[in-house]
């Protein structure tokens, strides 16, 4: 038995195949909805794999991208990786989803290869970071807010509208208000634009939004983060300047 797993387009992963089983599997590659195989060692190494692709009875190949599409895919992958919030597989899927499959398709396999290289580069970068980074401080501040009776959510859903409609569903008993930032806020922070914090009081709690804002700014300041807010409860709280060095999640 070979110490590998093989994932194809059309079926479940095959673990520890014999040489004969692997040969038979590769010979069938090229049929309808069965164009590629991805091989990983057992035990696996993060972001280390082999992929091959074939159409019909043609030669096996590693599918490529034109330079313009590849550059755009790499930038999309970097954006996802910089947030530090997504697994490598989630970043790869996000790269695929960003392209029109009828115009400039990027396969999952192509996206995985792009992400694998950039992931390793980011791991090398973060090895030079200090023990505690600004995102760690943000997490500490939100932990403190949760202990103070606020629904404190980080990187929650896609945008303000969706977050505001969902935040009450995360409300714990006794929470009088909320504070959150969403995916777009995280991406902006990762791009160097600071982090926007949104907050408010639940209507049935009688909590004043300005008071919630003061609690949020105090928690951020307590962990050493710079805060920009003029006390107006209709305005978001900005954490800036901010260096968004959030470590990548473990695993794939």
C-alpha atoms as a PDB file:
ATOM      1  CA  UNK A   1       0.000   0.000   0.000  1.00  0.00           C
ATOM      2  CA  UNK A   2       1.185   3.507  -0.819  1.00  0.00           C
ATOM      3  CA  UNK A   3       1.277   6.079   1.988  1.00  0.00           C
ATOM      4  CA  UNK A   4      -0.820   8.601   0.080  1.00  0.00           C
ATOM      5  CA  UNK A   5      -4.378   9.796  -0.408  1.00  0.00           C
ATOM      6  CA  UNK A   6      -5.740  10.550  -3.866  1.00  0.00           C
ATOM      7  CA  UNK A   7      -8.634  12.949  -4.468  1.00  0.00           C
ATOM      8  CA  UNK A   8     -10.273  13.054  -7.894  1.00  0.00           C
ATOM      9  CA  UNK A   9     -12.923  15.306  -9.384  1.00  0.00           C
ATOM     10  CA  UNK A  10     -15.585  12.638  -9.481  1.00  0.00           C
ATOM     11  CA  UNK A  11     -15.275  10.547  -6.369  1.00  0.00           C
ATOM     12  CA  UNK A  12     -14.287  10.261  -2.702  1.00  0.00           C
ATOM     13  CA  UNK A  13     -10.660  10.306  -1.608  1.00  0.00           C
ATOM     14  CA  UNK A  14      -8.798   7.013  -1.908  1.00  0.00           C
ATOM     15  CA  UNK A  15      -6.503   6.326   1.041  1.00  0.00           C
ATOM     16  CA  UNK A  16      -3.440   4.063   0.862  1.00  0.00           C
ATOM     17  CA  UNK A  17      -4.089   2.626  -2.603  1.00  0.00           C
ATOM     18  CA  UNK A  18      -2.021  -0.188  -4.012  1.00  0.00           C
ATOM     19  CA  UNK A  19       0.177   0.545  -7.024  1.00  0.00           C
ATOM     20  CA  UNK A  20      -2.376  -1.218  -9.191  1.00  0.00           C
ATOM     21  CA  UNK A  21      -5.275   0.837  -7.824  1.00  0.00           C
ATOM     22  CA  UNK A  22      -3.351   4.060  -8.399  1.00  0.00           C
ATOM     23  CA  UNK A  23      -2.536   3.032 -11.958  1.00  0.00           C
ATOM     24  CA  UNK A  24      -6.176   2.224 -12.700  1.00  0.00           C
ATOM     25  CA  UNK A  25      -7.331   5.506 -11.200  1.00  0.00           C
ATOM     26  CA  UNK A  26      -4.889   7.571 -13.255  1.00  0.00           C
ATOM     27  CA  UNK A  27      -5.795   5.728 -16.452  1.00  0.00           C
ATOM     28  CA  UNK A  28      -9.414   6.774 -16.091  1.00  0.00           C
ATOM     29  CA  UNK A  29      -8.548  10.472 -15.612  1.00  0.00           C
ATOM     30  CA  UNK A  30      -9.709  12.504 -18.588  1.00  0.00           C
ATOM     31  CA  UNK A  31     -13.347  11.417 -18.749  1.00  0.00           C
ATOM     32  CA  UNK A  32     -16.367  13.640 -18.272  1.00  0.00           C
ATOM     33  CA  UNK A  33     -16.260  15.399 -14.885  1.00  0.00           C
ATOM     34  CA  UNK A  34     -13.114  13.436 -14.049  1.00  0.00           C
ATOM     35  CA  UNK A  35     -10.196  15.576 -15.188  1.00  0.00           C
ATOM     36  CA  UNK A  36      -7.770  15.801 -12.286  1.00  0.00           C
ATOM     37  CA  UNK A  37      -6.160  13.967  -9.391  1.00  0.00           C
ATOM     38  CA  UNK A  38      -4.575  15.507  -6.278  1.00  0.00           C
ATOM     39  CA  UNK A  39      -2.141  13.374  -4.270  1.00  0.00           C
ATOM     40  CA  UNK A  40      -1.008  14.008  -0.693  1.00  0.00           C
ATOM     41  CA  UNK A  41       1.320  12.090   1.595  1.00  0.00           C
ATOM     42  CA  UNK A  42       0.204  10.274   4.735  1.00  0.00           C
ATOM     43  CA  UNK A  43       0.823  11.897   7.171  1.00  0.00           C
ATOM     44  CA  UNK A  44       0.131  15.073   5.252  1.00  0.00           C
ATOM     45  CA  UNK A  45       2.291  18.174   5.238  1.00  0.00           C
ATOM     46  CA  UNK A  46       0.409  21.445   5.230  1.00  0.00           C
ATOM     47  CA  UNK A  47       0.060  22.804   1.680  1.00  0.00           C
ATOM     48  CA  UNK A  48       2.233  20.071   0.100  1.00  0.00           C
ATOM     49  CA  UNK A  49       0.580  18.082  -2.664  1.00  0.00           C
ATOM     50  CA  UNK A  50       0.869  16.916  -6.273  1.00  0.00           C
ATOM     51  CA  UNK A  51      -1.735  17.512  -8.968  1.00  0.00           C
ATOM     52  CA  UNK A  52      -2.177  16.350 -12.533  1.00  0.00           C
ATOM     53  CA  UNK A  53      -4.851  17.064 -15.142  1.00  0.00           C
ATOM     54  CA  UNK A  54      -5.940  15.525 -18.429  1.00  0.00           C
ATOM     55  CA  UNK A  55      -8.668  16.003 -21.020  1.00  0.00           C
ATOM     56  CA  UNK A  56      -9.787  12.895 -22.872  1.00  0.00           C
ATOM     57  CA  UNK A  57      -6.903  10.659 -23.899  1.00  0.00           C
ATOM     58  CA  UNK A  58      -4.467  13.571 -24.112  1.00  0.00           C
ATOM     59  CA  UNK A  59      -1.251  13.928 -22.151  1.00  0.00           C
ATOM     60  CA  UNK A  60      -1.198  14.564 -18.423  1.00  0.00           C
ATOM     61  CA  UNK A  61      -0.361  18.152 -17.584  1.00  0.00           C
ATOM     62  CA  UNK A  62      -0.297  20.753 -14.858  1.00  0.00           C
ATOM     63  CA  UNK A  63      -2.943  23.271 -15.901  1.00  0.00           C
ATOM     64  CA  UNK A  64      -1.725  26.833 -16.180  1.00  0.00           C
ATOM     65  CA  UNK A  65      -3.153  30.333 -16.215  1.00  0.00           C
ATOM     66  CA  UNK A  66      -2.465  33.241 -18.508  1.00  0.00           C
ATOM     67  CA  UNK A  67      -0.249  35.894 -16.859  1.00  0.00           C
ATOM     68  CA  UNK A  68      -3.048  38.428 -16.335  1.00  0.00           C
ATOM     69  CA  UNK A  69      -5.387  35.912 -14.716  1.00  0.00           C
ATOM     70  CA  UNK A  70      -2.601  34.501 -12.582  1.00  0.00           C
ATOM     71  CA  UNK A  71      -1.620  37.958 -11.325  1.00  0.00           C
ATOM     72  CA  UNK A  72      -5.233  38.719 -10.411  1.00  0.00           C
ATOM     73  CA  UNK A  73      -5.599  35.329  -8.704  1.00  0.00           C
ATOM     74  CA  UNK A  74      -2.409  35.887  -6.705  1.00  0.00           C
ATOM     75  CA  UNK A  75      -3.614  39.295  -5.516  1.00  0.00           C
ATOM     76  CA  UNK A  76      -6.957  37.804  -4.509  1.00  0.00           C
ATOM     77  CA  UNK A  77      -5.131  35.077  -2.576  1.00  0.00           C
ATOM     78  CA  UNK A  78      -2.874  37.613  -0.858  1.00  0.00           C
ATOM     79  CA  UNK A  79      -5.908  39.605   0.231  1.00  0.00           C
ATOM     80  CA  UNK A  80      -7.476  36.529   1.811  1.00  0.00           C
ATOM     81  CA  UNK A  81      -4.242  35.436   3.444  1.00  0.00           C
ATOM     82  CA  UNK A  82      -3.491  38.890   4.890  1.00  0.00           C
ATOM     83  CA  UNK A  83      -6.703  38.865   6.903  1.00  0.00           C
ATOM     84  CA  UNK A  84      -5.466  35.817   8.842  1.00  0.00           C
ATOM     85  CA  UNK A  85      -9.069  34.675   9.260  1.00  0.00           C
ATOM     86  CA  UNK A  86      -9.408  31.957   6.633  1.00  0.00           C
ATOM     87  CA  UNK A  87      -7.933  28.506   6.164  1.00  0.00           C
ATOM     88  CA  UNK A  88      -5.865  27.844   3.055  1.00  0.00           C
ATOM     89  CA  UNK A  89      -8.744  25.873   1.555  1.00  0.00           C
ATOM     90  CA  UNK A  90     -11.171  28.746   2.191  1.00  0.00           C
ATOM     91  CA  UNK A  91      -8.765  31.202   0.573  1.00  0.00           C
ATOM     92  CA  UNK A  92      -8.411  28.917  -2.464  1.00  0.00           C
ATOM     93  CA  UNK A  93     -12.172  28.606  -2.807  1.00  0.00           C
ATOM     94  CA  UNK A  94     -12.471  32.392  -2.549  1.00  0.00           C
ATOM     95  CA  UNK A  95      -9.993  32.766  -5.401  1.00  0.00           C
ATOM     96  CA  UNK A  96     -12.051  30.407  -7.575  1.00  0.00           C
ATOM     97  CA  UNK A  97     -15.294  32.203  -6.742  1.00  0.00           C
ATOM     98  CA  UNK A  98     -13.822  35.572  -7.733  1.00  0.00           C
ATOM     99  CA  UNK A  99     -13.525  34.612 -11.402  1.00  0.00           C
ATOM    100  CA  UNK A 100     -16.234  34.094 -14.002  1.00  0.00           C
ATOM    101  CA  UNK A 101     -15.943  30.425 -15.030  1.00  0.00           C
ATOM    102  CA  UNK A 102     -17.035  31.326 -18.575  1.00  0.00           C
ATOM    103  CA  UNK A 103     -14.410  34.042 -19.055  1.00  0.00           C
ATOM    104  CA  UNK A 104     -11.281  33.421 -16.970  1.00  0.00           C
ATOM    105  CA  UNK A 105     -11.829  30.279 -14.919  1.00  0.00           C
ATOM    106  CA  UNK A 106      -9.471  29.362 -12.100  1.00  0.00           C
ATOM    107  CA  UNK A 107      -9.782  25.779 -10.912  1.00  0.00           C
ATOM    108  CA  UNK A 108      -9.552  24.730  -7.291  1.00  0.00           C
ATOM    109  CA  UNK A 109      -6.278  22.993  -8.084  1.00  0.00           C
ATOM    110  CA  UNK A 110      -4.784  26.114  -9.643  1.00  0.00           C
ATOM    111  CA  UNK A 111      -5.948  28.218  -6.719  1.00  0.00           C
ATOM    112  CA  UNK A 112      -4.493  25.744  -4.221  1.00  0.00           C
ATOM    113  CA  UNK A 113      -1.068  25.933  -5.844  1.00  0.00           C
ATOM    114  CA  UNK A 114      -1.122  29.718  -5.775  1.00  0.00           C
ATOM    115  CA  UNK A 115      -2.252  29.772  -2.145  1.00  0.00           C
ATOM    116  CA  UNK A 116       0.302  27.144  -1.109  1.00  0.00           C
ATOM    117  CA  UNK A 117       3.242  29.295  -2.187  1.00  0.00           C
ATOM    118  CA  UNK A 118       1.867  32.535  -0.739  1.00  0.00           C
ATOM    119  CA  UNK A 119       0.878  30.748   2.488  1.00  0.00           C
ATOM    120  CA  UNK A 120       4.454  29.639   3.051  1.00  0.00           C
ATOM    121  CA  UNK A 121       5.688  33.180   2.393  1.00  0.00           C
ATOM    122  CA  UNK A 122       3.266  34.517   4.998  1.00  0.00           C
ATOM    123  CA  UNK A 123       4.366  31.896   7.537  1.00  0.00           C
ATOM    124  CA  UNK A 124       7.962  33.045   7.050  1.00  0.00           C
ATOM    125  CA  UNK A 125       6.893  36.676   7.561  1.00  0.00           C
ATOM    126  CA  UNK A 126       4.920  36.003  10.716  1.00  0.00           C
ATOM    127  CA  UNK A 127       7.860  34.185  12.277  1.00  0.00           C
ATOM    128  CA  UNK A 128       9.439  37.649  12.586  1.00  0.00           C
ATOM    129  CA  UNK A 129       6.426  39.278  14.261  1.00  0.00           C
ATOM    130  CA  UNK A 130       6.349  40.137  17.973  1.00  0.00           C
ATOM    131  CA  UNK A 131       4.647  37.757  20.383  1.00  0.00           C
ATOM    132  CA  UNK A 132       1.561  40.004  20.577  1.00  0.00           C
ATOM    133  CA  UNK A 133       0.287  41.862  17.531  1.00  0.00           C
ATOM    134  CA  UNK A 134      -2.479  44.406  17.045  1.00  0.00           C
ATOM    135  CA  UNK A 135      -5.075  41.755  16.092  1.00  0.00           C
ATOM    136  CA  UNK A 136      -4.217  39.951  19.328  1.00  0.00           C
ATOM    137  CA  UNK A 137      -4.942  43.181  21.192  1.00  0.00           C
ATOM    138  CA  UNK A 138      -8.240  43.568  19.334  1.00  0.00           C
ATOM    139  CA  UNK A 139      -9.158  40.035  20.393  1.00  0.00           C
ATOM    140  CA  UNK A 140      -8.322  40.843  24.019  1.00  0.00           C
ATOM    141  CA  UNK A 141     -10.447  43.981  23.908  1.00  0.00           C
ATOM    142  CA  UNK A 142     -13.412  42.074  22.477  1.00  0.00           C
ATOM    143  CA  UNK A 143     -13.004  39.403  25.120  1.00  0.00           C
ATOM    144  CA  UNK A 144     -13.228  42.102  27.763  1.00  0.00           C
ATOM    145  CA  UNK A 145     -16.344  43.566  26.125  1.00  0.00           C
ATOM    146  CA  UNK A 146     -18.028  40.157  26.117  1.00  0.00           C
ATOM    147  CA  UNK A 147     -17.425  39.942  29.858  1.00  0.00           C
ATOM    148  CA  UNK A 148     -19.050  43.360  30.281  1.00  0.00           C
ATOM    149  CA  UNK A 149     -22.426  42.411  28.845  1.00  0.00           C
ATOM    150  CA  UNK A 150     -21.869  43.144  25.175  1.00  0.00           C
ATOM    151  CA  UNK A 151     -22.305  40.819  22.218  1.00  0.00           C
ATOM    152  CA  UNK A 152     -18.761  41.191  20.877  1.00  0.00           C
ATOM    153  CA  UNK A 153     -18.236  39.630  17.440  1.00  0.00           C
ATOM    154  CA  UNK A 154     -15.088  39.664  15.311  1.00  0.00           C
ATOM    155  CA  UNK A 155     -15.013  39.274  11.517  1.00  0.00           C
ATOM    156  CA  UNK A 156     -18.722  38.453  11.488  1.00  0.00           C
ATOM    157  CA  UNK A 157     -20.531  37.952   8.157  1.00  0.00           C
ATOM    158  CA  UNK A 158     -20.015  40.033   5.020  1.00  0.00           C
ATOM    159  CA  UNK A 159     -21.224  43.572   5.689  1.00  0.00           C
ATOM    160  CA  UNK A 160     -22.953  45.902   8.146  1.00  0.00           C
ATOM    161  CA  UNK A 161     -26.463  45.143   6.945  1.00  0.00           C
ATOM    162  CA  UNK A 162     -26.070  41.397   7.326  1.00  0.00           C
ATOM    163  CA  UNK A 163     -24.244  41.738  10.643  1.00  0.00           C
ATOM    164  CA  UNK A 164     -26.910  43.995  12.132  1.00  0.00           C
ATOM    165  CA  UNK A 165     -29.595  41.516  11.139  1.00  0.00           C
ATOM    166  CA  UNK A 166     -27.702  38.615  12.725  1.00  0.00           C
ATOM    167  CA  UNK A 167     -26.100  40.111  15.811  1.00  0.00           C
ATOM    168  CA  UNK A 168     -29.192  39.713  17.983  1.00  0.00           C
ATOM    169  CA  UNK A 169     -29.102  35.977  17.278  1.00  0.00           C
ATOM    170  CA  UNK A 170     -25.725  35.829  19.021  1.00  0.00           C
ATOM    171  CA  UNK A 171     -26.946  37.799  22.028  1.00  0.00           C
ATOM    172  CA  UNK A 172     -26.258  36.179  25.375  1.00  0.00           C
ATOM    173  CA  UNK A 173     -28.595  36.532  28.324  1.00  0.00           C
ATOM    174  CA  UNK A 174     -27.973  39.878  29.961  1.00  0.00           C
ATOM    175  CA  UNK A 175     -26.246  41.521  26.996  1.00  0.00           C
ATOM    176  CA  UNK A 176     -27.271  45.154  26.808  1.00  0.00           C
ATOM    177  CA  UNK A 177     -25.529  46.052  23.562  1.00  0.00           C
ATOM    178  CA  UNK A 178     -23.137  44.882  20.879  1.00  0.00           C
ATOM    179  CA  UNK A 179     -19.878  45.624  19.102  1.00  0.00           C
ATOM    180  CA  UNK A 180     -18.599  44.000  15.924  1.00  0.00           C
ATOM    181  CA  UNK A 181     -16.575  44.291  12.762  1.00  0.00           C
ATOM    182  CA  UNK A 182     -17.361  42.390   9.575  1.00  0.00           C
ATOM    183  CA  UNK A 183     -15.425  40.810   6.701  1.00  0.00           C
ATOM    184  CA  UNK A 184     -15.091  44.043   4.749  1.00  0.00           C
ATOM    185  CA  UNK A 185     -13.770  45.809   7.845  1.00  0.00           C
ATOM    186  CA  UNK A 186     -11.189  43.066   8.325  1.00  0.00           C
ATOM    187  CA  UNK A 187     -10.090  43.276   4.693  1.00  0.00           C
ATOM    188  CA  UNK A 188      -9.723  47.048   4.983  1.00  0.00           C
ATOM    189  CA  UNK A 189      -7.625  46.639   8.127  1.00  0.00           C
ATOM    190  CA  UNK A 190      -5.429  44.068   6.398  1.00  0.00           C
ATOM    191  CA  UNK A 191      -4.927  46.544   3.543  1.00  0.00           C
ATOM    192  CA  UNK A 192      -3.657  49.147   6.003  1.00  0.00           C
ATOM    193  CA  UNK A 193      -6.751  51.324   6.399  1.00  0.00           C
ATOM    194  CA  UNK A 194      -7.426  50.792  10.090  1.00  0.00           C
ATOM    195  CA  UNK A 195     -10.310  48.874  11.627  1.00  0.00           C
ATOM    196  CA  UNK A 196     -13.892  50.149  11.894  1.00  0.00           C
ATOM    197  CA  UNK A 197     -15.838  49.015  14.959  1.00  0.00           C
ATOM    198  CA  UNK A 198     -19.635  49.157  14.896  1.00  0.00           C
ATOM    199  CA  UNK A 199     -21.683  49.188  18.085  1.00  0.00           C
ATOM    200  CA  UNK A 200     -25.025  49.976  19.645  1.00  0.00           C
ATOM    201  CA  UNK A 201     -27.494  49.189  22.396  1.00  0.00           C
ATOM    202  CA  UNK A 202     -30.354  46.714  22.197  1.00  0.00           C
ATOM    203  CA  UNK A 203     -33.671  48.636  22.229  1.00  0.00           C
ATOM    204  CA  UNK A 204     -35.191  46.442  24.926  1.00  0.00           C
ATOM    205  CA  UNK A 205     -32.205  46.956  27.257  1.00  0.00           C
ATOM    206  CA  UNK A 206     -32.509  50.702  27.569  1.00  0.00           C
ATOM    207  CA  UNK A 207     -28.776  50.979  26.887  1.00  0.00           C
ATOM    208  CA  UNK A 208     -27.533  54.222  25.388  1.00  0.00           C
ATOM    209  CA  UNK A 209     -25.472  53.781  22.204  1.00  0.00           C
ATOM    210  CA  UNK A 210     -23.071  56.531  23.243  1.00  0.00           C
ATOM    211  CA  UNK A 211     -22.425  54.681  26.510  1.00  0.00           C
ATOM    212  CA  UNK A 212     -21.751  51.501  24.552  1.00  0.00           C
ATOM    213  CA  UNK A 213     -19.334  53.443  22.361  1.00  0.00           C
ATOM    214  CA  UNK A 214     -17.493  54.717  25.429  1.00  0.00           C
ATOM    215  CA  UNK A 215     -17.197  51.166  26.759  1.00  0.00           C
ATOM    216  CA  UNK A 216     -15.782  50.008  23.428  1.00  0.00           C
ATOM    217  CA  UNK A 217     -13.228  52.803  23.215  1.00  0.00           C
ATOM    218  CA  UNK A 218     -12.169  52.202  26.817  1.00  0.00           C
ATOM    219  CA  UNK A 219     -11.617  48.481  26.165  1.00  0.00           C
ATOM    220  CA  UNK A 220      -9.547  49.224  23.071  1.00  0.00           C
ATOM    221  CA  UNK A 221      -7.488  51.851  24.865  1.00  0.00           C
ATOM    222  CA  UNK A 222      -6.917  49.491  27.801  1.00  0.00           C
ATOM    223  CA  UNK A 223      -5.034  47.086  25.532  1.00  0.00           C
ATOM    224  CA  UNK A 224      -2.948  49.862  24.002  1.00  0.00           C
ATOM    225  CA  UNK A 225      -4.752  50.435  20.716  1.00  0.00           C
ATOM    226  CA  UNK A 226      -5.170  53.945  19.238  1.00  0.00           C
ATOM    227  CA  UNK A 227      -8.814  54.990  18.950  1.00  0.00           C
ATOM    228  CA  UNK A 228     -10.424  57.737  16.851  1.00  0.00           C
ATOM    229  CA  UNK A 229     -13.985  58.633  17.893  1.00  0.00           C
ATOM    230  CA  UNK A 230     -15.589  61.941  18.730  1.00  0.00           C
ATOM    231  CA  UNK A 231     -18.338  60.553  20.961  1.00  0.00           C
ATOM    232  CA  UNK A 232     -21.019  60.746  18.262  1.00  0.00           C
ATOM    233  CA  UNK A 233     -23.054  57.496  18.527  1.00  0.00           C
ATOM    234  CA  UNK A 234     -23.960  57.715  14.824  1.00  0.00           C
ATOM    235  CA  UNK A 235     -20.298  57.309  13.819  1.00  0.00           C
ATOM    236  CA  UNK A 236     -18.175  54.197  13.809  1.00  0.00           C
ATOM    237  CA  UNK A 237     -15.161  53.860  16.059  1.00  0.00           C
ATOM    238  CA  UNK A 238     -11.890  53.740  14.141  1.00  0.00           C
ATOM    239  CA  UNK A 239      -8.818  51.899  15.359  1.00  0.00           C
ATOM    240  CA  UNK A 240      -5.992  53.610  13.505  1.00  0.00           C
ATOM    241  CA  UNK A 241      -3.117  53.462  12.846  1.00  0.00           C
ATOM    242  CA  UNK A 242      -3.178  49.686  13.005  1.00  0.00           C
ATOM    243  CA  UNK A 243      -0.817  46.994  11.758  1.00  0.00           C
ATOM    244  CA  UNK A 244      -2.966  43.969  10.929  1.00  0.00           C
ATOM    245  CA  UNK A 245      -0.528  41.150  11.571  1.00  0.00           C
ATOM    246  CA  UNK A 246      -2.905  38.301  12.333  1.00  0.00           C
ATOM    247  CA  UNK A 247      -1.330  34.869  12.377  1.00  0.00           C
ATOM    248  CA  UNK A 248      -2.637  32.270   9.961  1.00  0.00           C
ATOM    249  CA  UNK A 249      -4.919  29.575  11.350  1.00  0.00           C
ATOM    250  CA  UNK A 250      -3.367  26.170  11.868  1.00  0.00           C
ATOM    251  CA  UNK A 251      -4.275  23.328   9.534  1.00  0.00           C
ATOM    252  CA  UNK A 252      -5.837  23.544   6.108  1.00  0.00           C
END
